[in-house]
Amino acid sequence: MIDKTDILPKPFVKWAGGKRKLIGIITQYLPKHWNTYIEPFVGGGALLFHLQPKTAIISDTNSELINAYRVIKENPYKLIELLEHMKSHHSKEYYYYIRDKFLPKDNIEKAARFIYLNRTCFNGLWRVNKQGKFNVPMGRYKNPKIVDRDNILAVHNYLSNNDITILNEDFEKVSLLAKPGDLVYFDPPYLPSDGSSKFTSYTSDNFGIEDHIRLRDTFQKLSSQGVFVILSNSDSPIIRELYRDFTIVEIETSRFINSRGNARRGWKELLIIEKL
């Protein structure tokens, strides 16, 4: 028996590039009606949880993240129990034990480890090295919110009471599922605004310029097939050139991933939509 809750679901992890503060702007450019909602780079799912579509396909190449979505959908109480245990043991020593030595024996323990580290690591940054090992140091939080029982149950209720397909696939494969009248929102790893190749990846595979070109081609193809498409990215000369045939909307925002507060201001990003 799952607890009923009137709380609206929200992202259960802190995620670089999350869109919670931009939802009011993004929703202005969405169609009034669509069939299936598809988000191939779901991340924290801010727009998904705001819209709460009854039929959706969500995906991400971060297998840890997708496993957490699936566990919340299927086993929320066991996950909460494990997070409560981790909360009661939280310390610097415990953090590095969980990060470097703890070996989850099942997907629920794997999800608990993922959420615990996300909630207690520096800036909520999920970063892995070339070996796929999470390597972010512990953050300096007095009282990190390791367990958000109400929200985990709210997310569970949404995912389990609607037709939500959860995938761990490349964006191009997910996009093949889109049909005319569907809405696809792309929120990929951003290209650096200076156009350089530097990027902090959220998986063991980098998302490089070739992937951004491949994404542009997918965007164009879906648009020509009658699919509603919208995309977020950095205000980069390369991105502007790639999407020159579409409407480009500038958005003022902040970068919350930077450790220096004065470096989190004055950031612009772009919203790409079909030609108005």
Protein backbone atom coordinates (compact mmCIF):
# COMPACT_ATOMS: atom_id res chain seq x y z
CA MET A 1 0.00 0.00 0.00
CA ILE A 2 1.58 3.25 -1.14
CA ASP A 3 1.01 6.41 0.88
CA LYS A 4 -1.11 8.98 -0.84
CA THR A 5 0.37 12.44 -1.07
CA ASP A 6 -0.89 15.76 -2.39
CA ILE A 7 2.67 16.97 -2.91
CA LEU A 8 3.59 17.62 -6.52
CA PRO A 9 6.65 15.66 -7.69
CA LYS A 10 9.90 17.51 -8.28
CA PRO A 11 13.46 16.44 -9.16
CA PHE A 12 14.76 13.97 -6.59
CA VAL A 13 18.40 14.72 -7.41
CA LYS A 14 20.40 17.89 -7.85
CA TRP A 15 21.43 18.00 -11.49
CA ALA A 16 23.76 20.31 -13.38
CA GLY A 17 21.74 22.27 -15.92
CA GLY A 18 18.41 21.57 -14.21
CA LYS A 19 15.53 23.62 -15.61
CA ARG A 20 13.40 24.35 -12.52
CA LYS A 21 14.09 28.10 -12.70
CA LEU A 22 13.41 28.26 -16.46
CA ILE A 23 10.14 26.35 -16.60
CA GLY A 24 8.07 29.52 -16.83
CA ILE A 25 9.97 30.55 -19.96
CA ILE A 26 10.14 27.14 -21.60
CA THR A 27 6.42 26.47 -21.21
CA GLN A 28 5.62 29.66 -23.13
CA TYR A 29 6.94 27.98 -26.28
CA LEU A 30 5.29 24.59 -25.91
CA PRO A 31 2.29 23.64 -28.07
CA LYS A 32 -1.10 23.67 -26.35
CA HIS A 33 -1.70 20.01 -27.10
CA TRP A 34 0.48 17.01 -27.87
CA ASN A 35 0.28 13.23 -27.74
CA THR A 36 3.31 11.57 -26.13
CA TYR A 37 5.90 13.63 -24.27
CA ILE A 38 9.47 12.46 -24.99
CA GLU A 39 12.59 13.64 -23.16
CA PRO A 40 15.78 11.84 -24.29
CA PHE A 41 18.04 13.72 -21.80
CA VAL A 42 15.74 13.65 -18.79
CA GLY A 43 18.31 14.50 -16.11
CA GLY A 44 16.50 15.67 -12.99
CA GLY A 45 13.19 15.80 -14.86
CA ALA A 46 12.12 19.33 -13.87
CA LEU A 47 9.99 19.90 -16.98
CA LEU A 48 8.60 16.36 -16.86
CA PHE A 49 7.40 16.77 -13.27
CA HIS A 50 5.98 20.21 -14.01
CA LEU A 51 3.98 19.05 -17.02
CA GLN A 52 3.13 15.61 -15.59
CA PRO A 53 2.08 14.14 -18.97
CA LYS A 54 0.00 10.99 -18.71
CA THR A 55 1.98 9.35 -21.52
CA ALA A 56 5.73 9.91 -21.70
CA ILE A 57 9.02 8.35 -22.73
CA ILE A 58 12.04 9.45 -20.73
CA SER A 59 15.64 8.40 -21.16
CA ASP A 60 19.20 9.25 -20.24
CA THR A 61 22.58 7.67 -20.93
CA ASN A 62 23.45 7.89 -17.24
CA SER A 63 22.58 4.36 -16.13
CA GLU A 64 22.80 5.28 -12.42
CA LEU A 65 20.21 8.00 -12.88
CA ILE A 66 17.84 5.79 -14.86
CA ASN A 67 18.19 3.00 -12.32
CA ALA A 68 17.10 5.48 -9.62
CA TYR A 69 13.99 6.42 -11.64
CA ARG A 70 13.10 2.75 -12.01
CA VAL A 71 13.66 1.96 -8.33
CA ILE A 72 11.51 4.90 -7.23
CA LYS A 73 8.78 3.65 -9.55
CA GLU A 74 8.97 0.06 -8.28
CA ASN A 75 10.43 0.01 -4.74
CA PRO A 76 10.13 3.42 -3.05
CA TYR A 77 9.81 2.19 0.54
CA LYS A 78 12.91 0.03 0.48
CA LEU A 79 14.82 2.92 -1.09
CA ILE A 80 13.63 5.29 1.65
CA GLU A 81 14.66 2.76 4.30
CA LEU A 82 18.18 2.52 2.89
CA LEU A 83 18.49 6.31 2.61
CA GLU A 84 17.39 6.68 6.24
CA HIS A 85 20.17 4.27 7.19
CA MET A 86 22.72 6.26 5.19
CA LYS A 87 21.50 9.51 6.73
CA SER A 88 22.01 8.13 10.23
CA HIS A 89 25.62 7.22 9.40
CA HIS A 90 26.53 10.31 7.37
CA SER A 91 30.02 11.63 8.05
CA LYS A 92 33.14 12.41 6.07
CA GLU A 93 34.47 8.89 6.60
CA TYR A 94 31.14 7.33 5.67
CA TYR A 95 30.86 9.45 2.51
CA TYR A 96 34.20 8.23 1.17
CA TYR A 97 33.40 4.68 2.18
CA ILE A 98 30.16 4.80 0.15
CA ARG A 99 31.92 6.56 -2.73
CA ASP A 100 35.00 4.36 -2.99
CA LYS A 101 34.39 1.01 -1.29
CA PHE A 102 30.67 0.24 -0.99
CA LEU A 103 29.54 -2.34 -3.55
CA PRO A 104 25.74 -2.40 -3.98
CA LYS A 105 24.33 -5.92 -4.15
CA ASP A 106 21.16 -4.94 -6.03
CA ASN A 107 19.55 -2.07 -7.92
CA ILE A 108 17.87 -0.64 -4.81
CA GLU A 109 21.19 -0.31 -2.99
CA LYS A 110 22.67 1.13 -6.19
CA ALA A 111 19.93 3.78 -6.31
CA ALA A 112 20.38 4.61 -2.61
CA ARG A 113 24.11 5.08 -3.13
CA PHE A 114 23.49 7.30 -6.15
CA ILE A 115 21.01 9.57 -4.34
CA TYR A 116 23.10 9.70 -1.15
CA LEU A 117 26.22 10.76 -3.06
CA ASN A 118 24.27 13.25 -5.16
CA ARG A 119 22.81 14.86 -2.04
CA THR A 120 26.11 15.07 -0.16
CA CYS A 121 28.79 15.61 -2.81
CA PHE A 122 30.24 18.97 -3.85
CA ASN A 123 27.61 21.07 -5.66
CA GLY A 124 25.52 17.99 -6.48
CA LEU A 125 27.83 17.38 -9.44
CA TRP A 126 27.68 13.86 -10.84
CA ARG A 127 31.03 13.32 -12.51
CA VAL A 128 32.84 10.12 -13.38
CA ASN A 129 36.38 9.47 -14.56
CA LYS A 130 37.42 7.52 -17.65
CA GLN A 131 36.96 4.28 -15.72
CA GLY A 132 33.37 5.23 -14.93
CA LYS A 133 34.14 5.82 -11.23
CA PHE A 134 32.36 8.63 -9.40
CA ASN A 135 35.09 10.94 -8.12
CA VAL A 136 33.48 14.10 -6.70
CA PRO A 137 34.62 15.14 -3.20
CA MET A 138 32.22 15.58 -0.31
CA GLY A 139 30.34 18.87 -0.15
CA ARG A 140 30.32 21.22 2.82
CA TYR A 141 26.71 20.96 3.92
CA LYS A 142 25.61 21.32 7.54
CA ASN A 143 22.42 19.36 7.06
CA PRO A 144 22.08 17.82 3.58
CA LYS A 145 18.61 16.54 2.72
CA ILE A 146 19.53 12.93 2.13
CA VAL A 147 15.98 11.61 2.50
CA ASP A 148 12.98 13.38 0.99
CA ARG A 149 10.33 10.79 1.72
CA ASP A 150 7.36 12.86 0.58
CA ASN A 151 8.92 13.70 -2.76
CA ILE A 152 10.10 10.15 -3.42
CA LEU A 153 6.53 8.96 -2.89
CA ALA A 154 5.16 11.80 -5.05
CA VAL A 155 7.54 10.83 -7.87
CA HIS A 156 6.58 7.18 -7.37
CA ASN A 157 2.88 7.97 -7.60
CA TYR A 158 3.37 9.92 -10.81
CA LEU A 159 5.59 7.32 -12.50
CA SER A 160 3.49 4.32 -11.46
CA ASN A 161 0.03 5.79 -12.11
CA ASN A 162 0.74 6.96 -15.65
CA ASP A 163 2.09 5.43 -18.85
CA ILE A 164 5.74 6.37 -18.37
CA THR A 165 8.40 4.42 -20.26
CA ILE A 166 11.90 4.71 -18.73
CA LEU A 167 14.85 3.98 -21.03
CA ASN A 168 18.65 4.03 -20.85
CA GLU A 169 19.40 4.72 -24.51
CA ASP A 170 21.13 7.15 -26.85
CA PHE A 171 18.96 10.14 -27.78
CA GLU A 172 18.81 9.17 -31.45
CA LYS A 173 17.37 5.74 -30.69
CA VAL A 174 14.79 7.28 -28.36
CA SER A 175 13.85 9.85 -31.00
CA LEU A 176 12.89 7.07 -33.40
CA LEU A 177 9.89 6.43 -31.14
CA ALA A 178 8.44 9.88 -31.80
CA LYS A 179 5.36 10.18 -34.01
CA PRO A 180 3.63 13.18 -35.59
CA GLY A 181 1.89 15.19 -32.88
CA ASP A 182 4.32 14.13 -30.13
CA LEU A 183 6.43 16.63 -28.18
CA VAL A 184 10.19 16.08 -27.85
CA TYR A 185 12.26 18.22 -25.50
CA PHE A 186 16.04 17.98 -25.85
CA ASP A 187 18.21 19.17 -22.95
CA PRO A 188 21.64 17.73 -23.87
CA PRO A 189 24.99 18.27 -22.19
CA TYR A 190 25.72 21.84 -23.24
CA LEU A 191 28.43 22.77 -25.68
CA PRO A 192 30.83 25.18 -23.90
CA SER A 193 29.84 28.75 -24.75
CA ASP A 194 33.30 29.46 -26.13
CA GLY A 195 32.99 26.51 -28.52
CA SER A 196 35.89 24.64 -26.95
CA SER A 197 36.01 20.91 -26.42
CA LYS A 198 36.09 21.20 -22.63
CA PHE A 199 33.16 19.55 -20.95
CA THR A 200 32.47 17.80 -17.67
CA SER A 201 30.63 14.64 -18.61
CA TYR A 202 27.87 13.03 -16.56
CA THR A 203 28.64 9.60 -18.01
CA SER A 204 31.88 7.86 -18.94
CA ASP A 205 31.36 8.99 -22.56
CA ASN A 206 31.83 12.60 -23.60
CA PHE A 207 29.14 14.35 -25.62
CA GLY A 208 31.23 16.10 -28.24
CA ILE A 209 30.68 18.32 -31.25
CA GLU A 210 29.90 15.31 -33.45
CA ASP A 211 27.06 14.43 -31.10
CA HIS A 212 25.73 17.98 -31.25
CA ILE A 213 25.71 17.80 -35.04
CA ARG A 214 23.95 14.45 -34.85
CA LEU A 215 21.43 16.01 -32.47
CA ARG A 216 20.82 18.92 -34.89
CA ASP A 217 20.17 16.42 -37.68
CA THR A 218 17.71 14.55 -35.44
CA PHE A 219 16.00 17.84 -34.52
CA GLN A 220 15.58 18.71 -38.20
CA LYS A 221 14.27 15.26 -39.08
CA LEU A 222 11.67 15.23 -36.31
CA SER A 223 10.50 18.72 -37.20
CA SER A 224 10.02 17.72 -40.84
CA GLN A 225 7.93 14.73 -39.70
CA GLY A 226 5.39 16.82 -37.80
CA VAL A 227 6.86 16.26 -34.33
CA PHE A 228 6.93 19.28 -32.00
CA VAL A 229 10.58 19.80 -31.04
CA ILE A 230 12.26 22.19 -28.61
CA LEU A 231 15.87 22.23 -27.46
CA SER A 232 17.99 23.96 -24.80
CA ASN A 233 21.70 24.66 -25.19
CA SER A 234 24.42 27.19 -24.47
CA ASP A 235 24.72 30.52 -26.23
CA SER A 236 27.58 29.31 -28.38
CA PRO A 237 28.47 30.50 -31.90
CA ILE A 238 28.50 26.86 -32.97
CA ILE A 239 24.99 26.22 -31.63
CA ARG A 240 23.71 29.40 -33.28
CA GLU A 241 25.16 28.23 -36.58
CA LEU A 242 23.83 24.68 -36.26
CA TYR A 243 20.28 25.90 -35.64
CA ARG A 244 20.30 28.95 -37.89
CA ASP A 245 17.24 27.64 -39.77
CA PHE A 246 15.13 27.65 -36.60
CA THR A 247 13.92 30.29 -34.16
CA ILE A 248 16.50 31.02 -31.46
CA VAL A 249 15.35 32.51 -28.16
CA GLU A 250 17.92 34.00 -25.74
CA ILE A 251 17.41 33.27 -22.05
CA GLU A 252 19.17 34.99 -19.13
CA THR A 253 20.03 32.53 -16.38
CA SER A 254 22.75 31.56 -13.92
CA ARG A 255 25.28 28.78 -13.78
CA PHE A 256 24.91 26.94 -10.49
CA ILE A 257 27.68 24.41 -11.13
CA ASN A 258 30.50 26.88 -10.50
CA SER A 259 32.08 26.89 -7.04
CA ARG A 260 32.56 30.66 -7.10
CA GLY A 261 29.39 32.61 -6.45
CA ASN A 262 30.42 35.53 -8.69
CA ALA A 263 30.87 33.09 -11.59
CA ARG A 264 27.25 31.99 -11.43
CA ARG A 265 25.85 35.19 -12.88
CA GLY A 266 25.44 36.68 -16.32
CA TRP A 267 24.94 33.41 -18.16
CA LYS A 268 22.94 33.19 -21.36
CA GLU A 269 21.54 30.08 -22.92
CA LEU A 270 19.41 29.41 -25.95
CA LEU A 271 16.04 27.84 -26.56
CA ILE A 272 15.65 26.45 -30.07
CA ILE A 273 12.14 26.08 -31.44
CA GLU A 274 10.54 25.58 -34.81
CA LYS A 275 10.41 28.61 -37.07
CA LEU A 276 7.79 31.08 -35.85
